[in-house]
Protein backbone atom coordinates (compact mmCIF):
# COMPACT_ATOMS: atom_id res chain seq x y z
CA UNK A 1 14.90 -15.80 -0.61
CA UNK A 2 15.16 -17.45 -4.04
CA UNK A 3 17.68 -21.07 -2.85
CA UNK A 4 14.18 -21.38 0.06
CA UNK A 5 11.61 -21.01 -2.57
CA UNK A 6 12.85 -23.44 -4.44
CA UNK A 7 13.75 -25.79 -1.72
CA UNK A 8 9.68 -24.74 -0.50
CA UNK A 9 8.23 -25.35 -4.34
CA UNK A 10 10.14 -28.89 -4.71
CA UNK A 11 9.35 -30.17 -1.36
CA UNK A 12 5.07 -28.48 -2.53
CA UNK A 13 5.23 -30.99 -5.45
CA UNK A 14 6.40 -33.65 -3.11
CA UNK A 15 3.71 -33.51 -1.31
CA UNK A 16 0.77 -32.62 -3.69
CA UNK A 17 0.62 -29.43 -2.65
CA UNK A 18 -0.14 -25.90 -4.66
CA UNK A 19 2.78 -23.45 -3.82
CA UNK A 20 2.65 -20.12 -3.74
CA UNK A 21 5.39 -17.09 -3.92
CA UNK A 22 5.97 -13.45 -2.39
CA UNK A 23 8.15 -11.28 -4.31
CA UNK A 24 8.36 -8.52 -2.30
CA UNK A 25 11.66 -6.91 -3.05
CA UNK A 26 13.70 -7.23 -6.63
CA UNK A 27 16.33 -8.75 -4.47
CA UNK A 28 18.17 -10.50 -7.27
CA UNK A 29 18.89 -7.12 -9.56
CA UNK A 30 19.43 -4.92 -6.68
CA UNK A 31 22.43 -7.43 -6.03
CA UNK A 32 23.66 -7.94 -9.51
CA UNK A 33 23.21 -3.89 -9.62
CA UNK A 34 24.92 -3.78 -6.36
CA UNK A 35 27.79 -6.21 -7.60
CA UNK A 36 28.17 -4.55 -11.25
CA UNK A 37 29.31 -1.05 -9.35
CA UNK A 38 32.14 -2.54 -7.12
CA UNK A 39 35.17 -3.63 -7.63
CA UNK A 40 36.86 -7.25 -6.54
CA UNK A 41 36.44 -10.48 -5.51
CA UNK A 42 34.11 -10.76 -3.42
CA UNK A 43 31.90 -7.90 -5.81
CA UNK A 44 32.52 -10.66 -8.37
CA UNK A 45 30.72 -13.63 -6.17
CA UNK A 46 27.89 -11.53 -5.45
CA UNK A 47 27.26 -11.41 -9.47
CA UNK A 48 27.06 -14.78 -9.50
CA UNK A 49 24.82 -15.50 -6.95
CA UNK A 50 21.99 -12.93 -8.28
CA UNK A 51 22.66 -14.05 -11.85
CA UNK A 52 22.34 -17.81 -10.61
CA UNK A 53 19.55 -17.12 -8.82
CA UNK A 54 17.54 -14.93 -10.90
CA UNK A 55 17.94 -17.64 -13.53
CA UNK A 56 16.38 -19.78 -10.88
CA UNK A 57 13.84 -17.37 -10.13
CA UNK A 58 12.20 -16.44 -13.60
CA UNK A 59 12.78 -19.95 -15.05
CA UNK A 60 12.70 -22.53 -12.49
CA UNK A 61 10.40 -21.51 -9.14
CA UNK A 62 7.86 -18.46 -10.65
CA UNK A 63 7.12 -21.24 -13.75
CA UNK A 64 6.28 -23.59 -11.26
CA UNK A 65 3.63 -21.67 -8.04
CA UNK A 66 0.65 -21.50 -8.88
CA UNK A 67 0.84 -17.78 -7.96
CA UNK A 68 3.02 -15.08 -7.40
CA UNK A 69 2.29 -12.33 -4.47
CA UNK A 70 4.23 -9.00 -6.24
CA UNK A 71 4.86 -5.79 -4.05
CA UNK A 72 3.07 -3.38 -6.43
CA UNK A 73 1.26 -3.07 -10.04
CA UNK A 74 4.59 -2.18 -11.54
CA UNK A 75 6.86 -4.83 -10.08
CA UNK A 76 3.21 -7.46 -11.06
CA UNK A 77 4.06 -5.85 -15.34
CA UNK A 78 7.81 -6.36 -14.64
CA UNK A 79 7.39 -10.00 -14.25
CA UNK A 80 4.53 -10.64 -16.29
CA UNK A 81 7.16 -8.68 -18.60
CA UNK A 82 9.70 -12.26 -17.22
CA UNK A 83 6.89 -14.79 -18.81
CA UNK A 84 4.77 -14.68 -15.56
CA UNK A 85 1.18 -14.32 -16.54
CA UNK A 86 -1.38 -11.76 -15.33
CA UNK A 87 -3.95 -13.75 -13.66
CA UNK A 88 -1.01 -15.65 -11.75
CA UNK A 89 0.00 -12.70 -9.88
CA UNK A 90 -1.93 -10.34 -7.17
CA UNK A 91 0.05 -7.11 -6.05
CA UNK A 92 0.04 -6.19 -2.35
CA UNK A 93 1.26 -3.24 -1.70
CA UNK A 94 2.74 -2.07 1.39
CA UNK A 95 0.52 -0.50 4.11
CA UNK A 96 1.09 1.10 8.11
CA UNK A 97 -1.16 0.09 11.37
CA UNK A 98 -3.03 3.50 11.31
CA UNK A 99 -4.89 2.29 14.84
CA UNK A 100 -0.67 2.47 15.74
CA UNK A 101 -0.52 5.32 14.69
CA UNK A 102 -3.76 7.06 15.81
CA UNK A 103 -2.06 6.12 19.58
CA UNK A 104 -1.96 9.33 21.98
CA UNK A 105 1.95 9.92 22.13
CA UNK A 106 4.55 12.16 23.69
CA UNK A 107 4.12 15.52 22.05
CA UNK A 108 6.14 16.00 19.53
CA UNK A 109 10.09 17.15 19.46
CA UNK A 110 9.76 21.24 16.96
CA UNK A 111 12.17 23.00 16.16
CA UNK A 112 12.91 26.44 15.95
CA UNK A 113 13.93 26.17 12.51
CA UNK A 114 12.03 25.33 9.36
CA UNK A 115 12.44 21.35 9.77
CA UNK A 116 12.80 18.97 6.52
CA UNK A 117 12.43 15.03 7.98
CA UNK A 118 13.14 11.91 6.00
CA UNK A 119 12.39 8.78 7.40
CA UNK A 120 14.37 5.46 6.59
CA UNK A 121 17.15 3.58 5.17
CA UNK A 122 20.55 5.51 4.08
CA UNK A 123 21.76 2.83 1.85
CA UNK A 124 23.94 4.53 -0.75
CA UNK A 125 21.23 2.81 -3.20
CA UNK A 126 18.43 6.02 -2.14
CA UNK A 127 20.68 8.71 -3.24
CA UNK A 128 19.87 10.45 -0.71
CA UNK A 129 22.94 13.62 -1.54
CA UNK A 130 20.54 14.87 -3.95
CA UNK A 131 18.00 15.02 -0.97
CA UNK A 132 21.09 17.80 0.57
CA UNK A 133 21.58 19.42 -2.78
CA UNK A 134 17.52 20.36 -2.89
CA UNK A 135 17.99 21.53 0.79
CA UNK A 136 20.68 23.82 -0.97
CA UNK A 137 17.88 25.17 -3.07
CA UNK A 138 15.51 25.67 -0.29
CA UNK A 139 18.11 27.89 1.90
CA UNK A 140 18.25 29.65 -0.63
CA UNK A 141 14.18 31.13 0.38
CA UNK A 142 14.58 29.41 3.74
CA UNK A 143 18.18 29.99 4.68
CA UNK A 144 17.32 28.35 7.88
CA UNK A 145 16.34 25.53 7.12
CA UNK A 146 17.42 21.94 8.15
CA UNK A 147 17.45 18.50 6.94
CA UNK A 148 16.99 15.36 9.50
CA UNK A 149 17.34 11.78 8.21
CA UNK A 150 15.82 9.77 10.96
CA UNK A 151 17.81 6.40 9.67
CA UNK A 152 20.77 4.12 9.90
CA UNK A 153 23.72 3.16 7.56
CA UNK A 154 26.29 1.65 7.09
CA UNK A 155 29.25 3.64 8.17
CA UNK A 156 30.57 4.05 4.96
CA UNK A 157 27.45 5.20 3.48
CA UNK A 158 27.16 7.92 6.40
CA UNK A 159 30.11 9.13 6.43
CA UNK A 160 29.31 9.76 2.34
CA UNK A 161 25.94 11.83 2.88
CA UNK A 162 28.30 14.17 6.39
CA UNK A 163 31.03 14.70 3.42
CA UNK A 164 28.46 15.94 0.55
CA UNK A 165 26.81 18.23 3.16
CA UNK A 166 30.22 19.72 3.95
CA UNK A 167 31.49 19.91 0.80
CA UNK A 168 27.98 22.06 0.51
CA UNK A 169 28.58 23.94 3.75
CA UNK A 170 25.67 22.11 5.34
CA UNK A 171 27.65 20.21 8.09
CA UNK A 172 25.55 22.51 11.02
CA UNK A 173 21.61 21.82 8.64
CA UNK A 174 21.89 17.93 8.34
CA UNK A 175 21.90 16.01 11.21
CA UNK A 176 21.49 11.80 11.01
CA UNK A 177 20.11 10.09 14.23
CA UNK A 178 21.03 6.45 13.22
CA UNK A 179 18.76 3.53 13.75
CA UNK A 180 15.34 4.74 16.64
CA UNK A 181 12.31 2.79 17.31
CA UNK A 182 9.17 3.29 15.90
CA UNK A 183 7.85 5.73 18.01
CA UNK A 184 10.80 7.65 18.58
CA UNK A 185 11.38 8.10 14.78
CA UNK A 186 7.50 9.24 14.58
CA UNK A 187 7.54 11.85 17.21
CA UNK A 188 10.45 13.11 15.76
CA UNK A 189 8.41 13.23 12.30
CA UNK A 190 5.49 14.60 14.34
CA UNK A 191 7.85 17.82 14.98
CA UNK A 192 8.89 18.25 11.29
CA UNK A 193 7.34 21.21 9.01
CA UNK A 194 7.61 18.50 6.54
CA UNK A 195 8.69 15.06 5.30
CA UNK A 196 9.94 13.75 2.15
CA UNK A 197 9.85 10.66 0.03
CA UNK A 198 12.66 10.73 -2.08
CA UNK A 199 13.18 7.07 -3.77
CA UNK A 200 15.50 6.83 -6.71
CA UNK A 201 14.22 5.73 -10.31
CA UNK A 202 15.37 2.87 -12.26
CA UNK A 203 14.43 -1.22 -12.20
CA UNK A 204 14.96 -2.09 -8.34
CA UNK A 205 12.35 1.52 -6.82
CA UNK A 206 9.99 1.91 -9.12
CA UNK A 207 9.00 -1.55 -8.44
CA UNK A 208 9.28 -0.80 -4.63
CA UNK A 209 5.94 0.14 -3.10
CA UNK A 210 7.25 2.63 -0.05
CA UNK A 211 6.22 2.56 3.51
CA UNK A 212 7.71 6.36 4.75
CA UNK A 213 4.85 8.06 2.04
CA UNK A 214 1.80 6.35 4.10
CA UNK A 215 3.04 7.19 7.20
CA UNK A 216 3.43 10.71 6.70
CA UNK A 217 0.41 10.80 5.08
CA UNK A 218 -1.73 8.61 8.48
CA UNK A 219 0.50 10.88 10.84
CA UNK A 220 -1.15 13.95 8.76
CA UNK A 221 2.34 15.83 8.12
CA UNK A 222 2.56 18.04 5.03
CA UNK A 223 4.43 15.55 2.38
CA UNK A 224 6.46 15.52 -0.64
CA UNK A 225 7.40 12.41 -2.69
CA UNK A 226 8.68 11.95 -6.10
CA UNK A 227 7.44 10.09 -9.37
CA UNK A 228 8.35 6.17 -8.80
CA UNK A 229 4.52 4.63 -9.51
CA UNK A 230 3.33 3.61 -6.44
CA UNK A 231 4.05 6.11 -4.78
CA UNK A 232 2.95 8.52 -7.65
CA UNK A 233 -1.15 6.49 -6.61
CA UNK A 234 -1.09 7.04 -2.90
CA UNK A 235 -0.12 10.68 -3.84
CA UNK A 236 -2.74 11.44 -6.59
CA UNK A 237 -5.52 9.72 -5.08
CA UNK A 238 -5.23 11.08 -1.41
CA UNK A 239 -4.47 14.22 -2.45
CA UNK A 240 -2.68 14.77 0.45
CA UNK A 241 0.81 15.64 -0.34
CA UNK A 242 2.48 17.08 -2.68
CA UNK A 243 3.93 15.18 -6.05
CA UNK A 244 7.20 15.77 -7.98
CA UNK A 245 9.26 14.84 -10.87
CA UNK A 246 12.44 13.06 -9.60
CA UNK A 247 15.01 16.24 -10.08
CA UNK A 248 16.00 18.37 -7.32
CA UNK A 249 14.72 21.51 -8.89
CA UNK A 250 11.37 20.07 -8.39
CA UNK A 251 11.53 19.04 -5.06
CA UNK A 252 12.68 21.62 -3.95
CA UNK A 253 10.53 23.51 -5.50
CA UNK A 254 8.14 21.80 -3.46
CA UNK A 255 9.31 21.86 -0.27
CA UNK A 256 9.48 25.74 -0.64
CA UNK A 257 5.87 25.89 -1.51
CA UNK A 258 4.81 23.80 1.51
CA UNK A 259 7.39 26.15 3.73
CA UNK A 260 6.18 29.17 2.27
CA UNK A 261 2.35 28.32 2.81
CA UNK A 262 2.38 26.61 6.42
CA UNK A 263 -1.01 26.48 7.54
CA UNK A 264 -2.82 25.61 4.43
CA UNK A 265 0.16 22.48 3.50
CA UNK A 266 -1.58 21.29 7.07
CA UNK A 267 -4.70 22.08 5.77
CA UNK A 268 -4.02 19.62 2.63
CA UNK A 269 -2.20 16.90 4.42
CA UNK A 270 -5.34 16.25 7.06
CA UNK A 271 -6.79 14.57 4.51
CA UNK A 272 -4.13 11.60 4.47
CA UNK A 273 -5.39 10.02 7.67
CA UNK A 274 -8.68 9.38 6.81
CA UNK A 275 -7.43 8.44 2.71
CA UNK A 276 -4.58 5.88 4.65
CA UNK A 277 -6.97 3.87 6.55
CA UNK A 278 -9.64 3.41 3.93
CA UNK A 279 -7.18 2.59 1.51
CA UNK A 280 -3.42 1.54 2.87
CA UNK A 281 -4.21 0.53 6.50
CA UNK A 282 -3.24 -3.42 7.47
CA UNK A 283 -6.72 -3.93 8.13
CA UNK A 284 -7.69 -3.31 4.67
CA UNK A 285 -5.01 -5.28 3.51
CA UNK A 286 -5.16 -7.70 5.03
CA UNK A 287 -9.08 -8.75 4.18
CA UNK A 288 -8.29 -8.22 0.40
CA UNK A 289 -5.97 -10.56 0.91
CA UNK A 290 -7.53 -12.92 3.07
CA UNK A 291 -10.10 -12.84 -0.05
CA UNK A 292 -7.21 -13.62 -2.36
CA UNK A 293 -6.24 -17.05 -0.44
CA UNK A 294 -9.83 -18.28 -0.11
CA UNK A 295 -9.70 -18.18 -3.56
CA UNK A 296 -6.32 -20.07 -4.19
CA UNK A 297 -7.29 -22.67 -1.52
CA UNK A 298 -10.89 -23.45 -2.75
CA UNK A 299 -10.52 -25.50 0.24
CA UNK A 300 -7.71 -26.95 0.60
CA UNK A 301 -3.64 -26.31 1.85
CA UNK A 302 -1.24 -24.53 0.26
CA UNK A 303 2.63 -23.79 0.93
CA UNK A 304 4.13 -21.04 0.21
CA UNK A 305 7.95 -19.18 -0.62
């Protein structure tokens, strides 16, 4: 949205309005990263677009903003490192609708065997092949364990995951649902023994604020997450899930700990809903954001991009 932000900034300046910009995802960096992983004319065009937008964002749009909202403290650090003063930055992490999640729903879909669930996009940048590798290690201790991938992906990415599972002899242990409405996805999650939020480390995802770990905790599902900054903060402060390093072996170890003692895992996960409601519910985040808006407005009007 850099081009839209640039146009909005110019319009705001013409009208004498303060302008703020919101970065929810490092789109320029992600576009450059994806383009460099591919070949061909289209990839070169995408790379050029990403580099031009990157220059415009950090040299023109953000310096011209009254304030910049970012997705996480880690993203704030990144943007500050690009030259944006710290006092112009406010982190607004992802949240969940705790009232909606707490509403009565149909009975969960339970499996007769130990089930590990993942909710979210299956984009190849997510490196979910490593989650399948972890399943292989888990099955050394829990031979019947399965992996349920709840989410959609481009056909090529889904086929890559299926092929990787088959290569490891896990074709019957890995299921991909495709995209589902939230209510159906949550119903499947509630039936799982453990949910996992595995986010690859690196520039693109280290600054993210994953929603999936919030949903797992709000639903009181035993959950495992790796150590990207925002996710690590949530798991450390809630003490409701298992925090691991970003390796297949530590991920598998945490999954096994939960499957070894499901009763203890459920008791620990029971702390999740209250923590999320108090810190990452839309209600709480909206109150904090409204306070920031009031401070910025000072009784006037503001334009945003």
